[in-house]
Each structure stands twice: as structure tokens, then as C-alpha cells.
Amino acid sequence: MPALRAKAFLFDLDGVLVDSRAVVERTWQRWAAERHPIDVAKVLHIAHGRRARDTLLMLAPHLATDEEVAWLDATELVDVEGLRVIPGARELVTSLPRDRWAIVTSCGRELARRRLSAAGVPAPDVMVVAEDSKRGKPAPDAYLLGAERLGVAPADCIVFEDAPAGVAAGKAAGATVIALMTNYDPIHLAEADATIPDLRSIQVRVASDGLVVTI
């Protein structure tokens, strides 16, 4: 594959920089057991990469209330057991100029910062979180906002994602998308421009006119 060029990188958080799958699964399993019996497997199939409210809207719209979202957020916030850095993530982000990368996540701000800290990944200067946009992924809003805050056109960005909803959001924003196969098989990430196992699979060179990615 030819080298990819970009002026900035936009990273999803969960499944791209931090492995939080165990926490997400525990949270939804507990919610189903303690609050509303629901097919957890069905929930987990769509929950990765989406805001909690958007997941509830898809599965059980009558449960997409502030109370339920607050319970889910609070439960995730105190659970950091098993959180770990995605291989290659820390090395990559610390090698980048700080004005050339951002995190665009479906997490709330406090949860995102807690997960970054627990995994030992530095927080960026620019971070777009769940409360920053009206529409969550797969809508492009969050990635458009991330590019805007970096002062870069979306078409000049590479988005790193791990979930179908996030891949769709990045493509809808007009960015190039590299998908990590940390949570989904390649067949579910087919819309991405490239798929990789994790961030050790790429080499990034900081050039005078931007960032050069070799896969």
C-alpha cells in the first residue's frame, strides 16, 4: 500500500489507544442484571464505539433517560480494572507534535481522562468527547469538530478507529480511516481505507509538510 499523508491524526480512544473492552462488557452485564434484563450480547455488538445514550436509543428508546446514562457513566468511571494500553499507542502519540493530533471519543470527558491516566497514555491538548456534539458516531460531527479544533481540513486527517460506527463517522467526515482489528473482524470494518492489528503495524514520519504513514 502506498504511503498515506496527512496533516493531523484523529484517534478514537477505546480500542485504539486504550483497551477497555473488559470494563465496557462488565458495565453492560451489570446494568442488565441489576436494572433492565436485556440481551447483553446484542448490546455489546453495537455498544463499542457509541455513546451510552445512542446505544440505548437503538436498543430500548424508552430507557434512554438521563438517569440510565448517568448510572452507566458512573459505573464505568470507577472501574479501571483490566484497562491497558493498546500496543504501540503510547509510543506513537508521544512521537507526534502536540498540535497535530487529537482524541475523538464517545466517552465523557472525565471518563476519557481517567482511562488515559490508568493506561499511562498522555492526554492531548485537543479532545472531543461525548458532550461536545449533538450527534454521536456514526454521524461525522465529532470528527468534524476535532479537525476544526486542530485547524485542519477533515480531508487532511487520518482517523484511527476500531468500531464500525466510528469508521462510518470518519468516512462521513471526509477523512482517511485506518481501522484497528482490536474488537471487530475485518469484514465489519470494510469501509475503512486500511485495517491493521494494532498501532505497531504502522510507521509514522514527521515531515515538514505533515505526517507520513507507512503500513
N, C-alpha and C. Protein backbone atom coordinates (compact mmCIF):
# COMPACT_ATOMS: atom_id res chain seq x y z
N MET A 1 0.85 -1.19 0.00
CA MET A 1 0.00 0.00 0.00
C MET A 1 0.89 1.25 0.00
N PRO A 2 0.58 2.24 -0.86
CA PRO A 2 1.38 3.47 -0.88
C PRO A 2 1.31 4.19 0.46
N ALA A 3 2.32 4.99 0.74
CA ALA A 3 2.32 5.76 1.98
C ALA A 3 1.14 6.73 1.99
N LEU A 4 0.59 6.94 3.17
CA LEU A 4 -0.51 7.88 3.35
C LEU A 4 0.05 9.16 3.95
N ARG A 5 -0.48 10.30 3.53
CA ARG A 5 -0.02 11.58 4.04
C ARG A 5 -1.18 12.30 4.70
N ALA A 6 -0.89 13.00 5.77
CA ALA A 6 -1.92 13.74 6.50
C ALA A 6 -1.28 14.92 7.21
N LYS A 7 -2.12 15.87 7.58
CA LYS A 7 -1.65 16.99 8.39
C LYS A 7 -1.92 16.78 9.87
N ALA A 8 -2.85 15.84 10.17
CA ALA A 8 -3.17 15.57 11.57
C ALA A 8 -3.80 14.19 11.71
N PHE A 9 -3.71 13.66 12.93
CA PHE A 9 -4.32 12.38 13.27
C PHE A 9 -5.46 12.61 14.26
N LEU A 10 -6.55 11.90 14.06
CA LEU A 10 -7.68 11.91 14.99
C LEU A 10 -7.87 10.49 15.50
N PHE A 11 -7.65 10.29 16.79
CA PHE A 11 -7.73 8.95 17.38
C PHE A 11 -9.02 8.76 18.16
N ASP A 12 -9.72 7.67 17.89
CA ASP A 12 -10.70 7.20 18.85
C ASP A 12 -9.92 6.78 20.10
N LEU A 13 -10.63 6.62 21.21
CA LEU A 13 -9.94 6.24 22.45
C LEU A 13 -10.01 4.73 22.71
N ASP A 14 -11.20 4.24 22.99
CA ASP A 14 -11.37 2.84 23.37
C ASP A 14 -11.17 1.92 22.18
N GLY A 15 -10.25 0.98 22.33
CA GLY A 15 -9.96 0.05 21.25
C GLY A 15 -8.89 0.54 20.29
N VAL A 16 -8.48 1.80 20.44
CA VAL A 16 -7.43 2.38 19.59
C VAL A 16 -6.20 2.76 20.42
N LEU A 17 -6.43 3.49 21.49
CA LEU A 17 -5.34 3.86 22.40
C LEU A 17 -5.39 3.06 23.70
N VAL A 18 -6.60 2.77 24.16
CA VAL A 18 -6.80 2.07 25.44
C VAL A 18 -7.71 0.87 25.22
N ASP A 19 -7.32 -0.27 25.77
CA ASP A 19 -8.16 -1.47 25.72
C ASP A 19 -9.07 -1.46 26.94
N SER A 20 -10.33 -1.11 26.72
CA SER A 20 -11.31 -1.02 27.81
C SER A 20 -12.44 -2.03 27.63
N ARG A 21 -12.24 -2.99 26.76
CA ARG A 21 -13.32 -3.93 26.44
C ARG A 21 -13.88 -4.61 27.69
N ALA A 22 -13.01 -5.04 28.59
CA ALA A 22 -13.48 -5.74 29.79
C ALA A 22 -14.38 -4.84 30.63
N VAL A 23 -14.01 -3.57 30.75
CA VAL A 23 -14.82 -2.63 31.54
C VAL A 23 -16.18 -2.41 30.90
N VAL A 24 -16.18 -2.19 29.59
CA VAL A 24 -17.44 -1.97 28.87
C VAL A 24 -18.37 -3.17 29.04
N GLU A 25 -17.82 -4.35 28.88
CA GLU A 25 -18.64 -5.56 28.98
C GLU A 25 -19.16 -5.75 30.40
N ARG A 26 -18.32 -5.51 31.41
CA ARG A 26 -18.78 -5.63 32.80
C ARG A 26 -19.90 -4.65 33.11
N THR A 27 -19.76 -3.43 32.60
CA THR A 27 -20.76 -2.40 32.88
C THR A 27 -22.12 -2.78 32.33
N TRP A 28 -22.15 -3.21 31.08
CA TRP A 28 -23.43 -3.56 30.47
C TRP A 28 -24.00 -4.84 31.07
N GLN A 29 -23.14 -5.78 31.42
CA GLN A 29 -23.63 -7.00 32.08
C GLN A 29 -24.26 -6.68 33.43
N ARG A 30 -23.63 -5.78 34.17
CA ARG A 30 -24.19 -5.39 35.46
C ARG A 30 -25.49 -4.62 35.28
N TRP A 31 -25.54 -3.75 34.30
CA TRP A 31 -26.76 -2.99 34.03
C TRP A 31 -27.92 -3.93 33.71
N ALA A 32 -27.66 -4.93 32.88
CA ALA A 32 -28.70 -5.89 32.50
C ALA A 32 -29.13 -6.73 33.70
N ALA A 33 -28.19 -7.06 34.58
CA ALA A 33 -28.51 -7.90 35.73
C ALA A 33 -29.24 -7.14 36.83
N GLU A 34 -28.87 -5.87 37.03
CA GLU A 34 -29.39 -5.12 38.17
C GLU A 34 -30.55 -4.19 37.83
N ARG A 35 -30.66 -3.80 36.56
CA ARG A 35 -31.63 -2.75 36.25
C ARG A 35 -32.67 -3.17 35.20
N HIS A 36 -32.22 -3.61 34.04
CA HIS A 36 -33.15 -3.91 32.96
C HIS A 36 -32.68 -5.15 32.21
N PRO A 37 -33.33 -6.30 32.41
CA PRO A 37 -32.94 -7.51 31.69
C PRO A 37 -32.96 -7.28 30.19
N ILE A 38 -31.86 -7.55 29.55
CA ILE A 38 -31.74 -7.33 28.11
C ILE A 38 -30.65 -8.26 27.59
N ASP A 39 -30.70 -8.57 26.33
CA ASP A 39 -29.70 -9.46 25.72
C ASP A 39 -28.36 -8.74 25.67
N VAL A 40 -27.45 -9.10 26.57
CA VAL A 40 -26.17 -8.40 26.66
C VAL A 40 -25.36 -8.56 25.39
N ALA A 41 -25.42 -9.74 24.77
CA ALA A 41 -24.67 -9.95 23.53
C ALA A 41 -25.12 -8.97 22.46
N LYS A 42 -26.41 -8.71 22.40
CA LYS A 42 -26.94 -7.75 21.43
C LYS A 42 -26.45 -6.34 21.74
N VAL A 43 -26.41 -6.02 23.03
CA VAL A 43 -25.92 -4.71 23.44
C VAL A 43 -24.46 -4.52 23.03
N LEU A 44 -23.64 -5.50 23.36
CA LEU A 44 -22.20 -5.38 23.11
C LEU A 44 -21.88 -5.33 21.63
N HIS A 45 -22.73 -5.93 20.81
CA HIS A 45 -22.49 -5.91 19.36
C HIS A 45 -22.51 -4.49 18.81
N ILE A 46 -23.30 -3.62 19.43
CA ILE A 46 -23.40 -2.25 18.91
C ILE A 46 -22.82 -1.20 19.86
N ALA A 47 -22.55 -1.57 21.12
CA ALA A 47 -22.15 -0.57 22.11
C ALA A 47 -20.76 -0.01 21.87
N HIS A 48 -19.84 -0.84 21.39
CA HIS A 48 -18.47 -0.38 21.19
C HIS A 48 -18.44 0.74 20.14
N GLY A 49 -17.87 1.87 20.55
CA GLY A 49 -17.75 3.00 19.63
C GLY A 49 -18.91 3.96 19.68
N ARG A 50 -19.94 3.66 20.46
CA ARG A 50 -21.10 4.54 20.54
C ARG A 50 -21.24 5.10 21.96
N ARG A 51 -21.88 6.28 22.04
CA ARG A 51 -22.23 6.82 23.34
C ARG A 51 -23.29 5.94 23.98
N ALA A 52 -23.30 5.90 25.31
CA ALA A 52 -24.27 5.07 26.02
C ALA A 52 -25.70 5.44 25.63
N ARG A 53 -25.98 6.73 25.52
CA ARG A 53 -27.33 7.16 25.16
C ARG A 53 -27.72 6.66 23.78
N ASP A 54 -26.79 6.71 22.84
CA ASP A 54 -27.09 6.26 21.48
C ASP A 54 -27.32 4.75 21.44
N THR A 55 -26.57 4.00 22.24
CA THR A 55 -26.79 2.56 22.33
C THR A 55 -28.18 2.26 22.86
N LEU A 56 -28.58 2.96 23.91
CA LEU A 56 -29.91 2.77 24.47
C LEU A 56 -31.00 3.16 23.48
N LEU A 57 -30.79 4.23 22.75
CA LEU A 57 -31.78 4.66 21.76
C LEU A 57 -32.00 3.61 20.69
N MET A 58 -30.93 2.89 20.33
CA MET A 58 -31.06 1.85 19.32
C MET A 58 -31.75 0.60 19.85
N LEU A 59 -31.50 0.27 21.11
CA LEU A 59 -31.99 -1.00 21.66
C LEU A 59 -33.31 -0.87 22.40
N ALA A 60 -33.45 0.18 23.17
CA ALA A 60 -34.64 0.36 24.01
C ALA A 60 -34.85 1.85 24.24
N PRO A 61 -35.44 2.55 23.28
CA PRO A 61 -35.54 4.01 23.35
C PRO A 61 -36.16 4.53 24.64
N HIS A 62 -37.08 3.77 25.23
CA HIS A 62 -37.74 4.23 26.46
C HIS A 62 -36.78 4.24 27.65
N LEU A 63 -35.63 3.59 27.50
CA LEU A 63 -34.64 3.56 28.58
C LEU A 63 -33.52 4.58 28.38
N ALA A 64 -33.56 5.34 27.30
CA ALA A 64 -32.50 6.32 27.02
C ALA A 64 -32.75 7.60 27.80
N THR A 65 -32.73 7.47 29.11
CA THR A 65 -33.00 8.59 30.00
C THR A 65 -31.71 9.10 30.64
N ASP A 66 -31.79 10.31 31.18
CA ASP A 66 -30.62 10.86 31.88
C ASP A 66 -30.21 9.97 33.04
N GLU A 67 -31.19 9.39 33.72
CA GLU A 67 -30.90 8.53 34.88
C GLU A 67 -30.10 7.30 34.48
N GLU A 68 -30.51 6.64 33.39
CA GLU A 68 -29.81 5.43 32.96
C GLU A 68 -28.42 5.76 32.44
N VAL A 69 -28.30 6.84 31.68
CA VAL A 69 -27.00 7.24 31.16
C VAL A 69 -26.06 7.59 32.31
N ALA A 70 -26.58 8.30 33.31
CA ALA A 70 -25.76 8.67 34.47
C ALA A 70 -25.29 7.42 35.21
N TRP A 71 -26.16 6.41 35.34
CA TRP A 71 -25.76 5.17 36.02
C TRP A 71 -24.65 4.47 35.26
N LEU A 72 -24.80 4.37 33.95
CA LEU A 72 -23.78 3.72 33.12
C LEU A 72 -22.45 4.47 33.21
N ASP A 73 -22.52 5.80 33.10
CA ASP A 73 -21.30 6.60 33.16
C ASP A 73 -20.60 6.46 34.51
N ALA A 74 -21.38 6.51 35.60
CA ALA A 74 -20.80 6.41 36.94
C ALA A 74 -20.17 5.04 37.17
N THR A 75 -20.81 4.01 36.66
CA THR A 75 -20.29 2.65 36.83
C THR A 75 -18.97 2.47 36.09
N GLU A 76 -18.91 2.99 34.87
CA GLU A 76 -17.66 2.89 34.10
C GLU A 76 -16.55 3.71 34.73
N LEU A 77 -16.92 4.84 35.31
CA LEU A 77 -15.91 5.77 35.83
C LEU A 77 -15.09 5.16 36.96
N VAL A 78 -15.71 4.33 37.78
CA VAL A 78 -14.99 3.78 38.94
C VAL A 78 -14.33 2.44 38.63
N ASP A 79 -14.52 1.93 37.43
CA ASP A 79 -13.98 0.62 37.07
C ASP A 79 -12.80 0.79 36.12
N VAL A 80 -11.59 0.58 36.63
CA VAL A 80 -10.40 0.67 35.78
C VAL A 80 -9.66 -0.67 35.74
N GLU A 81 -10.24 -1.69 36.35
CA GLU A 81 -9.58 -2.99 36.39
C GLU A 81 -9.45 -3.57 34.98
N GLY A 82 -8.24 -3.93 34.62
CA GLY A 82 -8.01 -4.54 33.32
C GLY A 82 -7.76 -3.55 32.20
N LEU A 83 -7.85 -2.26 32.48
CA LEU A 83 -7.53 -1.27 31.45
C LEU A 83 -6.05 -1.36 31.10
N ARG A 84 -5.74 -1.33 29.83
CA ARG A 84 -4.33 -1.35 29.43
C ARG A 84 -4.17 -0.63 28.10
N VAL A 85 -2.96 -0.24 27.84
CA VAL A 85 -2.67 0.49 26.62
C VAL A 85 -2.68 -0.46 25.42
N ILE A 86 -3.20 0.01 24.30
CA ILE A 86 -3.13 -0.76 23.06
C ILE A 86 -1.67 -0.75 22.59
N PRO A 87 -1.12 -1.90 22.18
CA PRO A 87 0.28 -1.95 21.76
C PRO A 87 0.61 -0.89 20.70
N GLY A 88 1.66 -0.15 20.96
CA GLY A 88 2.13 0.87 20.03
C GLY A 88 1.52 2.24 20.24
N ALA A 89 0.47 2.34 21.06
CA ALA A 89 -0.25 3.61 21.19
C ALA A 89 0.59 4.68 21.88
N ARG A 90 1.17 4.34 23.02
CA ARG A 90 1.92 5.34 23.78
C ARG A 90 3.11 5.85 22.97
N GLU A 91 3.80 4.93 22.32
CA GLU A 91 4.98 5.32 21.53
C GLU A 91 4.58 6.24 20.38
N LEU A 92 3.43 5.95 19.76
CA LEU A 92 3.02 6.76 18.62
C LEU A 92 2.64 8.17 19.04
N VAL A 93 1.76 8.30 20.02
CA VAL A 93 1.28 9.65 20.35
C VAL A 93 2.38 10.51 20.95
N THR A 94 3.32 9.91 21.67
CA THR A 94 4.40 10.72 22.24
C THR A 94 5.41 11.16 21.17
N SER A 95 5.36 10.55 20.00
CA SER A 95 6.26 10.94 18.91
C SER A 95 5.69 12.06 18.05
N LEU A 96 4.42 12.41 18.27
CA LEU A 96 3.75 13.37 17.41
C LEU A 96 3.80 14.78 17.99
N PRO A 97 3.90 15.80 17.13
CA PRO A 97 3.74 17.17 17.62
C PRO A 97 2.36 17.32 18.26
N ARG A 98 2.28 18.02 19.38
CA ARG A 98 1.03 18.05 20.14
C ARG A 98 -0.09 18.78 19.40
N ASP A 99 0.25 19.62 18.44
CA ASP A 99 -0.79 20.31 17.69
C ASP A 99 -1.21 19.55 16.44
N ARG A 100 -0.75 18.30 16.32
CA ARG A 100 -1.07 17.50 15.13
C ARG A 100 -1.91 16.28 15.46
N TRP A 101 -2.40 16.16 16.69
CA TRP A 101 -3.25 15.02 17.00
C TRP A 101 -4.28 15.36 18.05
N ALA A 102 -5.39 14.64 17.99
CA ALA A 102 -6.49 14.83 18.93
C ALA A 102 -7.15 13.49 19.20
N ILE A 103 -7.88 13.42 20.29
CA ILE A 103 -8.72 12.26 20.59
C ILE A 103 -10.17 12.64 20.34
N VAL A 104 -10.90 11.77 19.67
CA VAL A 104 -12.33 11.96 19.40
C VAL A 104 -13.04 10.72 19.91
N THR A 105 -13.72 10.84 21.04
CA THR A 105 -14.24 9.67 21.73
C THR A 105 -15.72 9.79 22.07
N SER A 106 -16.36 8.65 22.22
CA SER A 106 -17.75 8.60 22.67
C SER A 106 -17.86 8.63 24.18
N CYS A 107 -16.73 8.64 24.88
CA CYS A 107 -16.72 8.76 26.34
C CYS A 107 -16.98 10.21 26.76
N GLY A 108 -17.43 10.37 27.99
CA GLY A 108 -17.46 11.69 28.58
C GLY A 108 -16.04 12.14 28.93
N ARG A 109 -15.88 13.43 29.20
CA ARG A 109 -14.53 13.98 29.42
C ARG A 109 -13.84 13.35 30.64
N GLU A 110 -14.55 13.27 31.76
CA GLU A 110 -13.95 12.72 32.97
C GLU A 110 -13.55 11.27 32.79
N LEU A 111 -14.42 10.49 32.14
CA LEU A 111 -14.12 9.08 31.90
C LEU A 111 -12.93 8.92 30.97
N ALA A 112 -12.88 9.73 29.92
CA ALA A 112 -11.77 9.65 28.97
C ALA A 112 -10.44 9.93 29.67
N ARG A 113 -10.39 10.98 30.48
CA ARG A 113 -9.15 11.33 31.17
C ARG A 113 -8.76 10.25 32.18
N ARG A 114 -9.73 9.65 32.83
CA ARG A 114 -9.43 8.59 33.80
C ARG A 114 -8.84 7.38 33.09
N ARG A 115 -9.40 7.02 31.95
CA ARG A 115 -8.89 5.86 31.22
C ARG A 115 -7.49 6.12 30.66
N LEU A 116 -7.26 7.31 30.15
CA LEU A 116 -5.93 7.64 29.67
C LEU A 116 -4.91 7.54 30.80
N SER A 117 -5.25 8.10 31.95
CA SER A 117 -4.34 8.07 33.09
C SER A 117 -4.07 6.64 33.55
N ALA A 118 -5.13 5.83 33.62
CA ALA A 118 -4.98 4.45 34.09
C ALA A 118 -4.10 3.63 33.16
N ALA A 119 -4.16 3.94 31.86
CA ALA A 119 -3.39 3.19 30.87
C ALA A 119 -2.01 3.80 30.63
N GLY A 120 -1.75 4.97 31.21
CA GLY A 120 -0.46 5.60 31.03
C GLY A 120 -0.27 6.24 29.68
N VAL A 121 -1.37 6.73 29.09
CA VAL A 121 -1.31 7.41 27.79
C VAL A 121 -1.50 8.90 28.04
N PRO A 122 -0.62 9.75 27.51
CA PRO A 122 -0.76 11.19 27.75
C PRO A 122 -2.02 11.76 27.10
N ALA A 123 -2.65 12.69 27.78
CA ALA A 123 -3.83 13.35 27.22
C ALA A 123 -3.39 14.41 26.21
N PRO A 124 -4.12 14.56 25.12
CA PRO A 124 -3.75 15.56 24.12
C PRO A 124 -4.25 16.95 24.52
N ASP A 125 -3.80 17.95 23.79
CA ASP A 125 -4.31 19.30 24.00
C ASP A 125 -5.74 19.43 23.51
N VAL A 126 -6.10 18.67 22.48
CA VAL A 126 -7.45 18.72 21.90
C VAL A 126 -8.13 17.37 22.10
N MET A 127 -9.30 17.41 22.73
CA MET A 127 -10.06 16.19 22.93
C MET A 127 -11.54 16.49 22.73
N VAL A 128 -12.18 15.77 21.83
CA VAL A 128 -13.62 15.88 21.60
C VAL A 128 -14.29 14.71 22.29
N VAL A 129 -15.25 15.01 23.18
CA VAL A 129 -15.88 13.97 24.00
C VAL A 129 -17.38 13.94 23.75
N ALA A 130 -18.06 13.01 24.44
CA ALA A 130 -19.48 12.76 24.19
C ALA A 130 -20.32 14.02 24.28
N GLU A 131 -20.04 14.87 25.26
CA GLU A 131 -20.89 16.04 25.48
C GLU A 131 -20.60 17.19 24.52
N ASP A 132 -19.63 17.04 23.63
CA ASP A 132 -19.25 18.13 22.73
C ASP A 132 -20.07 18.20 21.45
N SER A 133 -20.80 17.15 21.11
CA SER A 133 -21.56 17.17 19.86
C SER A 133 -22.96 16.61 20.08
N LYS A 134 -23.91 17.14 19.33
CA LYS A 134 -25.30 16.70 19.48
C LYS A 134 -25.47 15.26 19.02
N ARG A 135 -24.81 14.93 17.92
CA ARG A 135 -24.95 13.58 17.36
C ARG A 135 -23.66 12.81 17.57
N GLY A 136 -23.80 11.58 18.05
CA GLY A 136 -22.65 10.72 18.22
C GLY A 136 -22.33 9.94 16.96
N LYS A 137 -21.23 9.20 17.00
CA LYS A 137 -20.88 8.31 15.90
C LYS A 137 -22.03 7.31 15.69
N PRO A 138 -22.40 7.00 14.46
CA PRO A 138 -21.69 7.16 13.19
C PRO A 138 -21.86 8.50 12.47
N ALA A 139 -22.55 9.46 13.08
CA ALA A 139 -22.59 10.80 12.49
C ALA A 139 -21.17 11.38 12.50
N PRO A 140 -20.85 12.24 11.54
CA PRO A 140 -19.48 12.75 11.42
C PRO A 140 -19.15 13.90 12.35
N ASP A 141 -20.13 14.39 13.11
CA ASP A 141 -19.99 15.64 13.85
C ASP A 141 -18.73 15.72 14.70
N ALA A 142 -18.45 14.67 15.47
CA ALA A 142 -17.31 14.71 16.40
C ALA A 142 -15.99 14.80 15.65
N TYR A 143 -15.86 14.08 14.55
CA TYR A 143 -14.61 14.14 13.78
C TYR A 143 -14.47 15.48 13.07
N LEU A 144 -15.57 16.03 12.60
CA LEU A 144 -15.52 17.36 12.00
C LEU A 144 -15.06 18.39 13.04
N LEU A 145 -15.55 18.26 14.26
CA LEU A 145 -15.16 19.18 15.32
C LEU A 145 -13.69 18.99 15.70
N GLY A 146 -13.24 17.76 15.74
CA GLY A 146 -11.84 17.51 16.05
C GLY A 146 -10.90 18.15 15.03
N ALA A 147 -11.23 17.99 13.75
CA ALA A 147 -10.42 18.62 12.70
C ALA A 147 -10.45 20.14 12.82
N GLU A 148 -11.64 20.67 13.09
CA GLU A 148 -11.78 22.12 13.23
C GLU A 148 -10.93 22.66 14.37
N ARG A 149 -10.93 21.96 15.49
CA ARG A 149 -10.16 22.43 16.65
C ARG A 149 -8.66 22.36 16.42
N LEU A 150 -8.24 21.48 15.53
CA LEU A 150 -6.82 21.42 15.17
C LEU A 150 -6.48 22.39 14.04
N GLY A 151 -7.50 22.98 13.43
CA GLY A 151 -7.27 23.90 12.33
C GLY A 151 -6.87 23.21 11.05
N VAL A 152 -7.38 21.99 10.84
CA VAL A 152 -7.03 21.18 9.68
C VAL A 152 -8.31 20.74 8.98
N ALA A 153 -8.28 20.70 7.66
CA ALA A 153 -9.43 20.20 6.91
C ALA A 153 -9.61 18.71 7.17
N PRO A 154 -10.85 18.23 7.31
CA PRO A 154 -11.06 16.80 7.55
C PRO A 154 -10.39 15.91 6.51
N ALA A 155 -10.37 16.37 5.26
CA ALA A 155 -9.75 15.58 4.19
C ALA A 155 -8.25 15.43 4.38
N ASP A 156 -7.65 16.28 5.22
CA ASP A 156 -6.22 16.20 5.50
C ASP A 156 -5.92 15.45 6.80
N CYS A 157 -6.93 14.75 7.31
CA CYS A 157 -6.77 13.99 8.56
C CYS A 157 -6.81 12.49 8.30
N ILE A 158 -6.10 11.75 9.13
CA ILE A 158 -6.27 10.29 9.20
C ILE A 158 -6.95 9.98 10.52
N VAL A 159 -8.06 9.27 10.44
CA VAL A 159 -8.80 8.82 11.61
C VAL A 159 -8.39 7.39 11.94
N PHE A 160 -8.14 7.13 13.21
CA PHE A 160 -7.84 5.77 13.68
C PHE A 160 -9.03 5.30 14.50
N GLU A 161 -9.64 4.20 14.06
CA GLU A 161 -10.87 3.70 14.68
C GLU A 161 -10.79 2.20 14.89
N ASP A 162 -11.76 1.69 15.64
CA ASP A 162 -11.82 0.24 15.85
C ASP A 162 -13.22 -0.32 15.69
N ALA A 163 -14.24 0.54 15.56
CA ALA A 163 -15.63 0.10 15.53
C ALA A 163 -16.32 0.56 14.25
N PRO A 164 -17.27 -0.22 13.76
CA PRO A 164 -17.97 0.17 12.53
C PRO A 164 -18.59 1.56 12.61
N ALA A 165 -19.18 1.92 13.75
CA ALA A 165 -19.79 3.24 13.88
C ALA A 165 -18.75 4.34 13.73
N GLY A 166 -17.57 4.13 14.30
CA GLY A 166 -16.51 5.12 14.20
C GLY A 166 -15.92 5.21 12.81
N VAL A 167 -15.76 4.06 12.16
CA VAL A 167 -15.27 4.06 10.78
C VAL A 167 -16.23 4.84 9.90
N ALA A 168 -17.53 4.59 10.06
CA ALA A 168 -18.53 5.31 9.28
C ALA A 168 -18.47 6.81 9.55
N ALA A 169 -18.25 7.19 10.81
CA ALA A 169 -18.16 8.60 11.16
C ALA A 169 -16.96 9.26 10.50
N GLY A 170 -15.82 8.59 10.53
CA GLY A 170 -14.62 9.14 9.92
C GLY A 170 -14.76 9.31 8.42
N LYS A 171 -15.33 8.31 7.76
CA LYS A 171 -15.53 8.40 6.31
C LYS A 171 -16.53 9.49 5.97
N ALA A 172 -17.60 9.60 6.76
CA ALA A 172 -18.61 10.63 6.50
C ALA A 172 -18.03 12.03 6.68
N ALA A 173 -17.02 12.14 7.54
CA ALA A 173 -16.36 13.43 7.74
C ALA A 173 -15.42 13.78 6.59
N GLY A 174 -15.11 12.80 5.75
CA GLY A 174 -14.22 13.03 4.62
C GLY A 174 -12.77 12.70 4.88
N ALA A 175 -12.50 12.02 5.99
CA ALA A 175 -11.12 11.68 6.35
C ALA A 175 -10.73 10.32 5.79
N THR A 176 -9.43 10.06 5.76
CA THR A 176 -8.92 8.71 5.53
C THR A 176 -9.03 7.95 6.85
N VAL A 177 -9.45 6.69 6.79
CA VAL A 177 -9.67 5.93 8.02
C VAL A 177 -8.82 4.66 8.03
N ILE A 178 -8.06 4.50 9.10
CA ILE A 178 -7.34 3.26 9.37
C ILE A 178 -8.03 2.58 10.55
N ALA A 179 -8.46 1.34 10.36
CA ALA A 179 -9.19 0.62 11.40
C ALA A 179 -8.31 -0.42 12.07
N LEU A 180 -8.36 -0.45 13.39
CA LEU A 180 -7.65 -1.46 14.17
C LEU A 180 -8.58 -2.63 14.42
N MET A 181 -8.06 -3.84 14.27
CA MET A 181 -8.87 -5.04 14.45
C MET A 181 -8.79 -5.52 15.90
N THR A 182 -9.02 -4.60 16.83
CA THR A 182 -8.93 -4.93 18.25
C THR A 182 -10.25 -5.44 18.82
N ASN A 183 -11.36 -5.09 18.17
CA ASN A 183 -12.67 -5.50 18.67
C ASN A 183 -13.56 -6.14 17.62
N TYR A 184 -13.24 -5.93 16.35
CA TYR A 184 -14.09 -6.43 15.27
C TYR A 184 -13.24 -7.10 14.20
N ASP A 185 -13.85 -8.08 13.52
CA ASP A 185 -13.21 -8.72 12.38
C ASP A 185 -13.19 -7.76 11.20
N PRO A 186 -12.25 -7.96 10.27
CA PRO A 186 -12.14 -7.06 9.11
C PRO A 186 -13.43 -6.90 8.32
N ILE A 187 -14.25 -7.94 8.27
CA ILE A 187 -15.49 -7.85 7.49
C ILE A 187 -16.39 -6.73 7.99
N HIS A 188 -16.31 -6.42 9.28
CA HIS A 188 -17.14 -5.36 9.86
C HIS A 188 -16.48 -3.98 9.71
N LEU A 189 -15.26 -3.95 9.21
CA LEU A 189 -14.51 -2.70 9.07
C LEU A 189 -14.19 -2.40 7.62
N ALA A 190 -14.97 -3.00 6.72
CA ALA A 190 -14.65 -2.95 5.29
C ALA A 190 -14.67 -1.54 4.72
N GLU A 191 -15.38 -0.62 5.36
CA GLU A 191 -15.46 0.75 4.86
C GLU A 191 -14.15 1.52 5.07
N ALA A 192 -13.30 1.02 5.94
CA ALA A 192 -12.03 1.70 6.22
C ALA A 192 -11.10 1.63 5.01
N ASP A 193 -10.18 2.58 4.94
CA ASP A 193 -9.20 2.59 3.85
C ASP A 193 -8.11 1.55 4.06
N ALA A 194 -7.88 1.17 5.31
CA ALA A 194 -6.89 0.14 5.64
C ALA A 194 -7.24 -0.44 7.00
N THR A 195 -6.85 -1.69 7.22
CA THR A 195 -7.04 -2.32 8.53
C THR A 195 -5.70 -2.85 9.02
N ILE A 196 -5.49 -2.73 10.33
CA ILE A 196 -4.24 -3.17 10.94
C ILE A 196 -4.55 -3.86 12.28
N PRO A 197 -3.66 -4.74 12.75
CA PRO A 197 -3.90 -5.39 14.05
C PRO A 197 -3.85 -4.41 15.21
N ASP A 198 -2.85 -3.55 15.24
CA ASP A 198 -2.71 -2.53 16.28
C ASP A 198 -1.72 -1.48 15.77
N LEU A 199 -1.37 -0.52 16.62
CA LEU A 199 -0.58 0.61 16.15
C LEU A 199 0.90 0.30 15.96
N ARG A 200 1.33 -0.91 16.31
CA ARG A 200 2.70 -1.32 15.99
C ARG A 200 2.84 -1.62 14.50
N SER A 201 1.72 -1.70 13.80
CA SER A 201 1.73 -2.11 12.39
C SER A 201 2.00 -0.96 11.44
N ILE A 202 2.17 0.25 11.97
CA ILE A 202 2.43 1.39 11.11
C ILE A 202 3.72 2.08 11.52
N GLN A 203 4.32 2.77 10.56
CA GLN A 203 5.46 3.63 10.82
C GLN A 203 5.05 5.05 10.44
N VAL A 204 5.36 6.00 11.30
CA VAL A 204 4.98 7.39 11.06
C VAL A 204 6.23 8.26 11.04
N ARG A 205 6.32 9.06 10.00
CA ARG A 205 7.43 10.01 9.89
C ARG A 205 6.86 11.42 9.92
N VAL A 206 7.42 12.25 10.79
CA VAL A 206 7.00 13.65 10.86
C VAL A 206 7.81 14.43 9.84
N ALA A 207 7.13 14.93 8.80
CA ALA A 207 7.78 15.68 7.73
C ALA A 207 7.47 17.17 7.89
N SER A 208 8.15 17.98 7.10
CA SER A 208 7.95 19.43 7.20
C SER A 208 6.53 19.82 6.79
N ASP A 209 5.91 19.02 5.93
CA ASP A 209 4.57 19.36 5.44
C ASP A 209 3.48 18.46 6.02
N GLY A 210 3.80 17.68 7.05
CA GLY A 210 2.76 16.85 7.65
C GLY A 210 3.29 15.53 8.17
N LEU A 211 2.43 14.54 8.17
CA LEU A 211 2.73 13.22 8.70
C LEU A 211 2.63 12.18 7.59
N VAL A 212 3.61 11.29 7.54
CA VAL A 212 3.66 10.26 6.51
C VAL A 212 3.52 8.90 7.19
N VAL A 213 2.54 8.12 6.74
CA VAL A 213 2.24 6.84 7.36
C VAL A 213 2.54 5.71 6.38
N THR A 214 3.33 4.76 6.83
CA THR A 214 3.61 3.56 6.05
C THR A 214 3.04 2.36 6.80
N ILE A 215 2.28 1.55 6.08
CA ILE A 215 1.68 0.35 6.67
C ILE A 215 2.43 -0.88 6.17
